[in-house]
N, C-alpha and C. Protein backbone atom coordinates (compact mmCIF):
# COMPACT_ATOMS: atom_id res chain seq x y z
N MET A 1 -47.58 -37.40 39.60
CA MET A 1 -46.64 -37.67 38.53
C MET A 1 -47.32 -37.67 37.16
N LYS A 2 -48.48 -38.24 37.13
CA LYS A 2 -49.23 -38.31 35.88
C LYS A 2 -49.59 -36.91 35.41
N GLU A 3 -49.93 -36.06 36.33
CA GLU A 3 -50.31 -34.68 36.01
C GLU A 3 -49.13 -33.92 35.42
N THR A 4 -47.95 -34.13 35.93
CA THR A 4 -46.75 -33.47 35.44
C THR A 4 -46.45 -33.93 34.01
N LEU A 5 -46.60 -35.20 33.74
CA LEU A 5 -46.37 -35.73 32.41
C LEU A 5 -47.37 -35.14 31.42
N GLU A 6 -48.60 -34.99 31.83
CA GLU A 6 -49.60 -34.37 30.96
C GLU A 6 -49.25 -32.91 30.67
N ASN A 7 -48.77 -32.21 31.68
CA ASN A 7 -48.37 -30.80 31.49
C ASN A 7 -47.19 -30.69 30.53
N VAL A 8 -46.25 -31.61 30.65
CA VAL A 8 -45.09 -31.60 29.76
C VAL A 8 -45.54 -31.89 28.32
N ASN A 9 -46.42 -32.87 28.16
CA ASN A 9 -46.93 -33.20 26.83
C ASN A 9 -47.69 -32.01 26.23
N GLU A 10 -48.46 -31.34 27.04
CA GLU A 10 -49.20 -30.17 26.58
C GLU A 10 -48.22 -29.05 26.18
N LEU A 11 -47.18 -28.89 26.97
CA LEU A 11 -46.16 -27.89 26.66
C LEU A 11 -45.48 -28.20 25.33
N TYR A 12 -45.11 -29.45 25.10
CA TYR A 12 -44.51 -29.85 23.83
C TYR A 12 -45.47 -29.61 22.67
N SER A 13 -46.70 -29.91 22.87
CA SER A 13 -47.71 -29.69 21.81
C SER A 13 -47.82 -28.20 21.48
N THR A 14 -47.83 -27.37 22.51
CA THR A 14 -47.91 -25.93 22.30
C THR A 14 -46.67 -25.41 21.59
N ILE A 15 -45.53 -25.90 21.97
CA ILE A 15 -44.27 -25.49 21.33
C ILE A 15 -44.27 -25.90 19.87
N GLU A 16 -44.73 -27.10 19.58
CA GLU A 16 -44.79 -27.57 18.20
C GLU A 16 -45.73 -26.70 17.36
N LYS A 17 -46.86 -26.34 17.91
CA LYS A 17 -47.79 -25.46 17.20
C LYS A 17 -47.15 -24.09 16.93
N LEU A 18 -46.46 -23.58 17.94
CA LEU A 18 -45.79 -22.28 17.77
C LEU A 18 -44.71 -22.34 16.69
N LEU A 19 -43.96 -23.42 16.67
CA LEU A 19 -42.91 -23.58 15.65
C LEU A 19 -43.52 -23.68 14.25
N ASN A 20 -44.61 -24.41 14.14
CA ASN A 20 -45.30 -24.51 12.85
C ASN A 20 -45.82 -23.14 12.40
N LYS A 21 -46.37 -22.42 13.33
CA LYS A 21 -46.87 -21.07 13.02
C LYS A 21 -45.72 -20.16 12.61
N TYR A 22 -44.59 -20.28 13.31
CA TYR A 22 -43.40 -19.48 12.99
C TYR A 22 -42.92 -19.78 11.56
N ASP A 23 -42.86 -21.06 11.21
CA ASP A 23 -42.43 -21.44 9.86
C ASP A 23 -43.40 -20.90 8.81
N SER A 24 -44.67 -20.98 9.11
CA SER A 24 -45.68 -20.46 8.19
C SER A 24 -45.52 -18.95 8.01
N LEU A 25 -45.25 -18.25 9.08
CA LEU A 25 -45.07 -16.80 9.01
C LEU A 25 -43.80 -16.44 8.23
N LYS A 26 -42.76 -17.24 8.38
CA LYS A 26 -41.53 -16.99 7.62
C LYS A 26 -41.79 -17.11 6.12
N VAL A 27 -42.51 -18.13 5.73
CA VAL A 27 -42.84 -18.33 4.31
C VAL A 27 -43.69 -17.17 3.80
N ASN A 28 -44.67 -16.80 4.59
CA ASN A 28 -45.55 -15.69 4.21
C ASN A 28 -44.76 -14.39 4.09
N ASN A 29 -43.86 -14.16 5.02
CA ASN A 29 -43.03 -12.96 5.00
C ASN A 29 -42.15 -12.92 3.75
N LYS A 30 -41.61 -14.06 3.38
CA LYS A 30 -40.77 -14.14 2.18
C LYS A 30 -41.59 -13.78 0.94
N LYS A 31 -42.81 -14.27 0.85
CA LYS A 31 -43.67 -13.95 -0.28
C LYS A 31 -43.99 -12.45 -0.32
N ILE A 32 -44.26 -11.90 0.83
CA ILE A 32 -44.58 -10.47 0.91
C ILE A 32 -43.38 -9.63 0.48
N LYS A 33 -42.19 -10.01 0.92
CA LYS A 33 -40.99 -9.28 0.52
C LYS A 33 -40.78 -9.36 -0.98
N HIS A 34 -41.01 -10.52 -1.55
CA HIS A 34 -40.87 -10.70 -2.99
C HIS A 34 -41.86 -9.79 -3.73
N ASN A 35 -43.10 -9.79 -3.28
CA ASN A 35 -44.11 -8.94 -3.90
C ASN A 35 -43.74 -7.46 -3.76
N LEU A 36 -43.20 -7.08 -2.63
CA LEU A 36 -42.79 -5.70 -2.41
C LEU A 36 -41.68 -5.32 -3.39
N ASP A 37 -40.72 -6.21 -3.58
CA ASP A 37 -39.64 -5.95 -4.53
C ASP A 37 -40.20 -5.75 -5.94
N LEU A 38 -41.14 -6.60 -6.34
CA LEU A 38 -41.75 -6.47 -7.66
C LEU A 38 -42.49 -5.14 -7.79
N LEU A 39 -43.22 -4.77 -6.75
CA LEU A 39 -43.97 -3.52 -6.79
C LEU A 39 -43.04 -2.31 -6.85
N GLN A 40 -41.93 -2.38 -6.14
CA GLN A 40 -40.97 -1.27 -6.17
C GLN A 40 -40.34 -1.14 -7.55
N LYS A 41 -40.00 -2.26 -8.18
CA LYS A 41 -39.45 -2.21 -9.54
C LYS A 41 -40.49 -1.64 -10.50
N ASN A 42 -41.72 -2.07 -10.35
CA ASN A 42 -42.80 -1.57 -11.20
C ASN A 42 -42.98 -0.07 -11.01
N LEU A 43 -42.93 0.38 -9.77
CA LEU A 43 -43.07 1.81 -9.48
C LEU A 43 -41.93 2.60 -10.11
N ASN A 44 -40.70 2.10 -10.00
CA ASN A 44 -39.56 2.78 -10.61
C ASN A 44 -39.73 2.89 -12.12
N ASN A 45 -40.20 1.81 -12.74
CA ASN A 45 -40.43 1.84 -14.19
C ASN A 45 -41.51 2.86 -14.55
N LYS A 46 -42.56 2.91 -13.76
CA LYS A 46 -43.65 3.86 -14.03
C LYS A 46 -43.16 5.30 -13.85
N GLU A 47 -42.31 5.53 -12.85
CA GLU A 47 -41.77 6.87 -12.65
C GLU A 47 -40.91 7.29 -13.83
N LYS A 48 -40.11 6.36 -14.36
CA LYS A 48 -39.30 6.65 -15.54
C LYS A 48 -40.20 6.97 -16.73
N ASP A 49 -41.23 6.16 -16.92
CA ASP A 49 -42.18 6.40 -18.01
C ASP A 49 -42.83 7.76 -17.87
N TYR A 50 -43.22 8.08 -16.65
CA TYR A 50 -43.87 9.38 -16.40
C TYR A 50 -42.94 10.53 -16.75
N THR A 51 -41.67 10.42 -16.34
CA THR A 51 -40.70 11.47 -16.63
C THR A 51 -40.51 11.64 -18.14
N GLU A 52 -40.39 10.53 -18.84
CA GLU A 52 -40.23 10.59 -20.29
C GLU A 52 -41.46 11.21 -20.95
N LEU A 53 -42.63 10.78 -20.52
CA LEU A 53 -43.85 11.32 -21.11
C LEU A 53 -44.01 12.81 -20.81
N LYS A 54 -43.59 13.21 -19.63
CA LYS A 54 -43.67 14.63 -19.27
C LYS A 54 -42.76 15.45 -20.18
N LYS A 55 -41.54 14.95 -20.44
CA LYS A 55 -40.63 15.64 -21.34
C LYS A 55 -41.22 15.73 -22.75
N LYS A 56 -41.78 14.63 -23.20
CA LYS A 56 -42.39 14.62 -24.54
C LYS A 56 -43.56 15.60 -24.60
N TYR A 57 -44.34 15.65 -23.55
CA TYR A 57 -45.48 16.57 -23.51
C TYR A 57 -45.00 18.02 -23.59
N GLU A 58 -43.94 18.34 -22.83
CA GLU A 58 -43.41 19.71 -22.87
C GLU A 58 -42.89 20.05 -24.27
N SER A 59 -42.22 19.09 -24.89
CA SER A 59 -41.74 19.31 -26.26
C SER A 59 -42.90 19.50 -27.22
N LEU A 60 -43.92 18.71 -27.05
CA LEU A 60 -45.10 18.82 -27.91
C LEU A 60 -45.78 20.17 -27.72
N LYS A 61 -45.86 20.63 -26.48
CA LYS A 61 -46.44 21.95 -26.23
C LYS A 61 -45.64 23.03 -26.94
N LEU A 62 -44.33 22.93 -26.89
CA LEU A 62 -43.48 23.92 -27.53
C LEU A 62 -43.67 23.89 -29.04
N VAL A 63 -43.69 22.70 -29.62
CA VAL A 63 -43.90 22.57 -31.07
C VAL A 63 -45.25 23.12 -31.46
N LYS A 64 -46.26 22.82 -30.67
CA LYS A 64 -47.60 23.31 -30.98
C LYS A 64 -47.64 24.83 -30.90
N SER A 65 -46.98 25.38 -29.90
CA SER A 65 -47.00 26.84 -29.77
C SER A 65 -46.25 27.50 -30.92
N LEU A 66 -45.24 26.84 -31.45
CA LEU A 66 -44.52 27.38 -32.59
C LEU A 66 -45.33 27.27 -33.87
N SER A 67 -46.17 26.25 -33.94
CA SER A 67 -46.92 26.03 -35.18
C SER A 67 -48.17 26.90 -35.28
N SER A 68 -48.75 27.30 -34.17
CA SER A 68 -49.93 28.15 -34.27
C SER A 68 -49.50 29.60 -34.38
N LYS A 69 -50.20 30.34 -35.19
CA LYS A 69 -49.81 31.72 -35.50
C LYS A 69 -49.90 32.62 -34.28
N GLY A 70 -50.96 32.52 -33.53
CA GLY A 70 -51.16 33.40 -32.39
C GLY A 70 -50.13 33.20 -31.30
N GLU A 71 -49.75 31.97 -31.07
CA GLU A 71 -48.82 31.67 -29.99
C GLU A 71 -47.38 31.66 -30.47
N SER A 72 -47.18 31.80 -31.75
CA SER A 72 -45.84 31.77 -32.31
C SER A 72 -44.98 32.90 -31.73
N VAL A 73 -45.57 34.06 -31.60
CA VAL A 73 -44.85 35.21 -31.06
C VAL A 73 -44.43 34.93 -29.62
N LEU A 74 -45.35 34.38 -28.84
CA LEU A 74 -45.06 34.06 -27.44
C LEU A 74 -43.94 33.03 -27.34
N ALA A 75 -43.98 32.01 -28.17
CA ALA A 75 -42.94 30.98 -28.15
C ALA A 75 -41.59 31.58 -28.53
N LYS A 76 -41.59 32.43 -29.53
CA LYS A 76 -40.33 33.05 -29.95
C LYS A 76 -39.77 33.92 -28.82
N LYS A 77 -40.65 34.61 -28.10
CA LYS A 77 -40.18 35.42 -26.97
C LYS A 77 -39.57 34.53 -25.88
N LYS A 78 -40.21 33.38 -25.63
CA LYS A 78 -39.69 32.47 -24.62
C LYS A 78 -38.32 31.94 -25.03
N ILE A 79 -38.18 31.57 -26.29
CA ILE A 79 -36.89 31.06 -26.78
C ILE A 79 -35.84 32.15 -26.71
N ARG A 80 -36.20 33.36 -27.11
CA ARG A 80 -35.26 34.48 -27.06
C ARG A 80 -34.83 34.74 -25.62
N LYS A 81 -35.78 34.64 -24.66
CA LYS A 81 -35.46 34.83 -23.24
C LYS A 81 -34.48 33.76 -22.77
N MET A 82 -34.71 32.51 -23.19
CA MET A 82 -33.80 31.43 -22.81
C MET A 82 -32.40 31.68 -23.36
N ILE A 83 -32.33 32.10 -24.60
CA ILE A 83 -31.02 32.39 -25.21
C ILE A 83 -30.33 33.53 -24.47
N ASP A 84 -31.09 34.56 -24.14
CA ASP A 84 -30.51 35.68 -23.39
C ASP A 84 -29.99 35.22 -22.03
N ASP A 85 -30.75 34.37 -21.36
CA ASP A 85 -30.31 33.85 -20.05
C ASP A 85 -29.03 33.03 -20.19
N ILE A 86 -28.95 32.23 -21.24
CA ILE A 86 -27.74 31.43 -21.46
C ILE A 86 -26.56 32.34 -21.75
N ASP A 87 -26.78 33.38 -22.59
CA ASP A 87 -25.72 34.33 -22.87
C ASP A 87 -25.23 35.02 -21.60
N ASN A 88 -26.16 35.41 -20.72
CA ASN A 88 -25.79 36.04 -19.47
C ASN A 88 -24.96 35.09 -18.60
N CYS A 89 -25.35 33.85 -18.56
CA CYS A 89 -24.60 32.86 -17.77
C CYS A 89 -23.19 32.70 -18.31
N ILE A 90 -23.06 32.67 -19.63
CA ILE A 90 -21.74 32.53 -20.24
C ILE A 90 -20.88 33.75 -19.91
N LEU A 91 -21.48 34.94 -20.01
CA LEU A 91 -20.74 36.16 -19.69
C LEU A 91 -20.30 36.16 -18.23
N ASN A 92 -21.15 35.71 -17.35
CA ASN A 92 -20.80 35.65 -15.93
C ASN A 92 -19.67 34.66 -15.68
N LEU A 93 -19.68 33.57 -16.39
CA LEU A 93 -18.62 32.57 -16.23
C LEU A 93 -17.28 33.07 -16.75
N MET A 94 -17.34 33.90 -17.78
CA MET A 94 -16.12 34.41 -18.37
C MET A 94 -15.52 35.53 -17.52
N GLY A 95 -16.32 36.05 -16.63
CA GLY A 95 -15.79 37.04 -15.69
C GLY A 95 -16.09 38.40 -16.13
């Protein structure tokens, strides 16, 4: 009988340790999820910044190519090509 009581007490002790560990893991998991949310928001902001900077860089390249004499002709050809493509699209839409 004494042995059975000791086994039951040991079982309760083990269960209590497991429950404490479970609670600790829940708290840790909540912190990790919070950190993940913050990192995802940060990543989204960085992606937006990257996209904006990329657009600005492309605009700057175009302005620079227009301002230098040697590349001015090339830039004008590119712009003329874009205009021609837009005109073709409009003509196609009009039937």
